[in-house]
Amino acid sequence: MMKMAASAALVAGLMSSCATINSGAALTEKGPIGSKVGEATSTLFLGTWTSQGEQNNIQKAAENGGIKKVTQVEYIDRSIFLGLLIKHTTRVYGE
């Protein structure tokens, strides 16, 4: 019974994920965030970039959202399988 509980806890730990959102400061003073949103994502496996490379920068996110003027930036990191797989997303807002 104890082995079964330990195994279940181990599987639950490996299958769980953790996400953090680091919201950047607004780049405009008391203005609207913007009507457009763009995202760029890249993934690391065991600390090395996957096939996309480092494609999660602000410029790429703005291009993906058709944004000419960026007003706010968010960085979202999601760790899966105890950090073996990490997904980095840059989200931008603007016009």
N, C-alpha and C. Protein backbone atom coordinates (compact mmCIF):
# COMPACT_ATOMS: atom_id res chain seq x y z
N MET A 1 0.82 -1.19 0.00
CA MET A 1 0.00 0.00 0.00
C MET A 1 0.87 1.26 0.00
N MET A 2 1.95 1.23 0.79
CA MET A 2 2.84 2.39 0.88
C MET A 2 3.57 2.62 -0.44
N LYS A 3 3.97 1.52 -1.11
CA LYS A 3 4.64 1.65 -2.40
C LYS A 3 3.69 2.25 -3.44
N MET A 4 2.44 1.85 -3.37
CA MET A 4 1.45 2.36 -4.32
C MET A 4 1.23 3.86 -4.13
N ALA A 5 1.16 4.30 -2.88
CA ALA A 5 0.99 5.73 -2.60
C ALA A 5 2.21 6.52 -3.03
N ALA A 6 3.40 5.99 -2.79
CA ALA A 6 4.62 6.67 -3.21
C ALA A 6 4.71 6.75 -4.72
N SER A 7 4.31 5.68 -5.40
CA SER A 7 4.31 5.68 -6.86
C SER A 7 3.32 6.69 -7.42
N ALA A 8 2.15 6.76 -6.81
CA ALA A 8 1.13 7.73 -7.26
C ALA A 8 1.63 9.16 -7.05
N ALA A 9 2.29 9.42 -5.92
CA ALA A 9 2.83 10.76 -5.66
C ALA A 9 3.93 11.10 -6.66
N LEU A 10 4.76 10.15 -7.01
CA LEU A 10 5.82 10.37 -7.98
C LEU A 10 5.25 10.68 -9.36
N VAL A 11 4.27 9.91 -9.78
CA VAL A 11 3.63 10.15 -11.08
C VAL A 11 2.93 11.50 -11.09
N ALA A 12 2.25 11.84 -10.04
CA ALA A 12 1.57 13.14 -9.96
C ALA A 12 2.58 14.28 -10.03
N GLY A 13 3.71 14.13 -9.37
CA GLY A 13 4.76 15.15 -9.42
C GLY A 13 5.35 15.31 -10.80
N LEU A 14 5.56 14.20 -11.49
CA LEU A 14 6.13 14.26 -12.84
C LEU A 14 5.14 14.80 -13.86
N MET A 15 3.87 14.56 -13.65
CA MET A 15 2.85 15.01 -14.60
C MET A 15 2.40 16.44 -14.35
N SER A 16 2.74 17.01 -13.21
CA SER A 16 2.30 18.36 -12.90
C SER A 16 3.19 19.38 -13.61
N SER A 17 2.70 20.58 -13.72
CA SER A 17 3.49 21.65 -14.32
C SER A 17 3.34 22.90 -13.49
N CYS A 18 4.22 23.82 -13.73
CA CYS A 18 4.22 25.07 -12.97
C CYS A 18 4.29 26.20 -13.99
N ALA A 19 3.51 27.23 -13.79
CA ALA A 19 3.54 28.37 -14.70
C ALA A 19 3.74 29.63 -13.89
N THR A 20 4.56 30.53 -14.42
CA THR A 20 4.72 31.85 -13.81
C THR A 20 4.51 32.90 -14.88
N ILE A 21 3.90 33.99 -14.51
CA ILE A 21 3.71 35.10 -15.42
C ILE A 21 4.41 36.31 -14.82
N ASN A 22 5.39 36.81 -15.54
CA ASN A 22 6.11 38.00 -15.12
C ASN A 22 5.64 39.13 -16.01
N SER A 23 4.77 39.95 -15.48
CA SER A 23 4.21 41.02 -16.28
C SER A 23 5.16 42.20 -16.25
N GLY A 24 5.58 42.62 -17.42
CA GLY A 24 6.46 43.78 -17.53
C GLY A 24 5.69 45.04 -17.24
N ALA A 25 6.42 46.06 -16.90
CA ALA A 25 5.78 47.35 -16.63
C ALA A 25 5.18 47.90 -17.92
N ALA A 26 4.10 48.64 -17.77
CA ALA A 26 3.49 49.28 -18.93
C ALA A 26 4.48 50.25 -19.53
N LEU A 27 4.54 50.31 -20.84
CA LEU A 27 5.48 51.19 -21.52
C LEU A 27 4.87 52.55 -21.81
N THR A 28 3.60 52.73 -21.47
CA THR A 28 2.96 54.03 -21.63
C THR A 28 2.36 54.43 -20.30
N GLU A 29 2.19 55.70 -20.09
CA GLU A 29 1.65 56.21 -18.83
C GLU A 29 0.14 56.33 -18.89
N LYS A 30 -0.56 55.60 -18.07
CA LYS A 30 -2.01 55.68 -17.91
C LYS A 30 -2.76 55.65 -19.23
N GLY A 31 -2.24 54.94 -20.18
CA GLY A 31 -2.92 54.80 -21.47
C GLY A 31 -3.53 53.42 -21.58
N PRO A 32 -4.29 53.21 -22.63
CA PRO A 32 -4.86 51.87 -22.83
C PRO A 32 -3.77 50.86 -23.16
N ILE A 33 -4.01 49.62 -22.80
CA ILE A 33 -3.03 48.57 -23.07
C ILE A 33 -2.89 48.35 -24.56
N GLY A 34 -3.95 48.42 -25.29
CA GLY A 34 -3.92 48.21 -26.74
C GLY A 34 -4.94 47.19 -27.15
N SER A 35 -5.36 47.28 -28.40
CA SER A 35 -6.41 46.38 -28.88
C SER A 35 -5.86 45.11 -29.50
N LYS A 36 -4.55 45.06 -29.73
CA LYS A 36 -3.94 43.89 -30.37
C LYS A 36 -3.04 43.15 -29.38
N VAL A 37 -2.95 41.83 -29.57
CA VAL A 37 -2.09 40.99 -28.74
C VAL A 37 -1.27 40.09 -29.67
N GLY A 38 0.02 39.98 -29.39
CA GLY A 38 0.88 39.09 -30.15
C GLY A 38 1.69 38.22 -29.21
N GLU A 39 1.98 36.99 -29.62
CA GLU A 39 2.76 36.07 -28.81
C GLU A 39 3.86 35.42 -29.64
N ALA A 40 4.95 35.14 -28.98
CA ALA A 40 6.05 34.36 -29.57
C ALA A 40 6.50 33.37 -28.51
N THR A 41 6.71 32.13 -28.92
CA THR A 41 7.02 31.06 -27.98
C THR A 41 8.23 30.26 -28.43
N SER A 42 9.03 29.85 -27.47
CA SER A 42 10.12 28.92 -27.74
C SER A 42 10.17 27.90 -26.60
N THR A 43 10.80 26.78 -26.86
CA THR A 43 10.82 25.68 -25.91
C THR A 43 12.24 25.20 -25.67
N LEU A 44 12.55 24.90 -24.42
CA LEU A 44 13.84 24.31 -24.07
C LEU A 44 13.60 22.89 -23.58
N PHE A 45 14.44 21.99 -24.01
CA PHE A 45 14.40 20.62 -23.53
C PHE A 45 15.78 20.31 -22.96
N LEU A 46 15.83 19.97 -21.69
CA LEU A 46 17.09 19.71 -20.99
C LEU A 46 18.08 20.87 -21.15
N GLY A 47 17.57 22.08 -21.12
CA GLY A 47 18.42 23.27 -21.17
C GLY A 47 18.89 23.69 -22.53
N THR A 48 18.45 23.02 -23.59
CA THR A 48 18.85 23.41 -24.94
C THR A 48 17.61 23.77 -25.75
N TRP A 49 17.75 24.75 -26.64
CA TRP A 49 16.63 25.20 -27.47
C TRP A 49 16.21 24.09 -28.42
N THR A 50 14.92 23.99 -28.66
CA THR A 50 14.41 23.04 -29.64
C THR A 50 14.51 23.66 -31.03
N SER A 51 13.85 23.11 -32.01
CA SER A 51 14.00 23.51 -33.41
C SER A 51 13.67 24.98 -33.68
N GLN A 52 12.82 25.61 -32.85
CA GLN A 52 12.49 27.01 -33.10
C GLN A 52 13.64 27.94 -32.74
N GLY A 53 14.55 27.51 -31.92
CA GLY A 53 15.58 28.41 -31.42
C GLY A 53 14.96 29.42 -30.49
N GLU A 54 15.65 30.48 -30.26
CA GLU A 54 15.14 31.52 -29.36
C GLU A 54 14.28 32.49 -30.15
N GLN A 55 13.02 32.12 -30.34
CA GLN A 55 12.09 32.91 -31.13
C GLN A 55 11.00 33.52 -30.26
N ASN A 56 11.33 33.88 -29.04
CA ASN A 56 10.31 34.43 -28.15
C ASN A 56 10.62 35.87 -27.77
N ASN A 57 11.17 36.65 -28.70
CA ASN A 57 11.51 38.03 -28.36
C ASN A 57 10.35 38.97 -28.64
N ILE A 58 10.47 40.20 -28.17
CA ILE A 58 9.41 41.20 -28.29
C ILE A 58 9.12 41.49 -29.76
N GLN A 59 10.16 41.63 -30.56
CA GLN A 59 9.98 41.95 -31.97
C GLN A 59 9.17 40.87 -32.69
N LYS A 60 9.49 39.62 -32.45
CA LYS A 60 8.76 38.51 -33.09
C LYS A 60 7.30 38.48 -32.61
N ALA A 61 7.07 38.71 -31.32
CA ALA A 61 5.71 38.73 -30.80
C ALA A 61 4.90 39.87 -31.42
N ALA A 62 5.53 41.04 -31.58
CA ALA A 62 4.84 42.17 -32.20
C ALA A 62 4.51 41.87 -33.66
N GLU A 63 5.44 41.25 -34.38
CA GLU A 63 5.19 40.86 -35.78
C GLU A 63 4.02 39.89 -35.86
N ASN A 64 3.98 38.90 -34.95
CA ASN A 64 2.91 37.90 -34.96
C ASN A 64 1.55 38.51 -34.68
N GLY A 65 1.50 39.61 -33.93
CA GLY A 65 0.23 40.26 -33.61
C GLY A 65 -0.09 41.45 -34.49
N GLY A 66 0.81 41.76 -35.46
CA GLY A 66 0.59 42.92 -36.31
C GLY A 66 0.65 44.23 -35.55
N ILE A 67 1.52 44.29 -34.56
CA ILE A 67 1.62 45.46 -33.68
C ILE A 67 2.78 46.35 -34.13
N LYS A 68 2.48 47.64 -34.28
CA LYS A 68 3.51 48.61 -34.67
C LYS A 68 4.06 49.34 -33.44
N LYS A 69 3.21 49.56 -32.42
CA LYS A 69 3.61 50.27 -31.21
C LYS A 69 3.27 49.41 -29.99
N VAL A 70 4.30 48.92 -29.31
CA VAL A 70 4.12 48.05 -28.15
C VAL A 70 3.88 48.91 -26.91
N THR A 71 2.83 48.56 -26.13
CA THR A 71 2.53 49.31 -24.91
C THR A 71 2.77 48.51 -23.64
N GLN A 72 2.73 47.18 -23.72
CA GLN A 72 2.98 46.36 -22.53
C GLN A 72 3.51 45.00 -22.95
N VAL A 73 4.37 44.42 -22.08
CA VAL A 73 5.00 43.14 -22.36
C VAL A 73 4.81 42.20 -21.17
N GLU A 74 4.50 40.94 -21.45
CA GLU A 74 4.44 39.90 -20.41
C GLU A 74 5.35 38.76 -20.82
N TYR A 75 6.03 38.19 -19.83
CA TYR A 75 6.84 37.00 -20.05
C TYR A 75 6.22 35.86 -19.26
N ILE A 76 5.94 34.77 -19.92
CA ILE A 76 5.29 33.62 -19.29
C ILE A 76 6.21 32.42 -19.42
N ASP A 77 6.57 31.82 -18.30
CA ASP A 77 7.42 30.63 -18.29
C ASP A 77 6.61 29.48 -17.72
N ARG A 78 6.61 28.37 -18.44
CA ARG A 78 5.89 27.18 -17.97
C ARG A 78 6.87 26.02 -17.92
N SER A 79 7.00 25.44 -16.75
CA SER A 79 7.91 24.32 -16.53
C SER A 79 7.10 23.03 -16.45
N ILE A 80 7.51 22.06 -17.25
CA ILE A 80 6.79 20.78 -17.30
C ILE A 80 7.77 19.65 -16.99
N PHE A 81 7.30 18.63 -16.33
CA PHE A 81 8.11 17.47 -15.96
C PHE A 81 9.35 17.87 -15.17
N LEU A 82 9.11 18.57 -14.06
CA LEU A 82 10.18 18.97 -13.13
C LEU A 82 11.28 19.80 -13.79
N GLY A 83 10.90 20.62 -14.75
CA GLY A 83 11.86 21.50 -15.39
C GLY A 83 12.61 20.90 -16.56
N LEU A 84 12.31 19.68 -16.94
CA LEU A 84 12.98 19.07 -18.08
C LEU A 84 12.55 19.74 -19.39
N LEU A 85 11.33 20.22 -19.43
CA LEU A 85 10.80 20.93 -20.59
C LEU A 85 10.30 22.29 -20.11
N ILE A 86 10.80 23.36 -20.71
CA ILE A 86 10.41 24.71 -20.32
C ILE A 86 9.91 25.44 -21.55
N LYS A 87 8.75 26.05 -21.43
CA LYS A 87 8.15 26.80 -22.53
C LYS A 87 8.18 28.28 -22.15
N HIS A 88 8.87 29.10 -22.95
CA HIS A 88 8.95 30.55 -22.75
C HIS A 88 8.03 31.24 -23.75
N THR A 89 7.16 32.10 -23.26
CA THR A 89 6.27 32.86 -24.13
C THR A 89 6.41 34.34 -23.82
N THR A 90 6.54 35.13 -24.87
CA THR A 90 6.54 36.59 -24.74
C THR A 90 5.23 37.06 -25.35
N ARG A 91 4.44 37.79 -24.56
CA ARG A 91 3.17 38.32 -25.02
C ARG A 91 3.24 39.85 -25.00
N VAL A 92 2.90 40.48 -26.10
CA VAL A 92 2.93 41.94 -26.19
C VAL A 92 1.54 42.47 -26.51
N TYR A 93 1.26 43.68 -26.02
CA TYR A 93 0.00 44.37 -26.28
C TYR A 93 0.34 45.69 -26.95
N GLY A 94 -0.53 46.15 -27.81
CA GLY A 94 -0.29 47.44 -28.45
C GLY A 94 -1.24 47.70 -29.60
N GLU A 95 -0.81 48.63 -30.42
CA GLU A 95 -1.60 49.06 -31.60
C GLU A 95 -0.82 48.80 -32.86
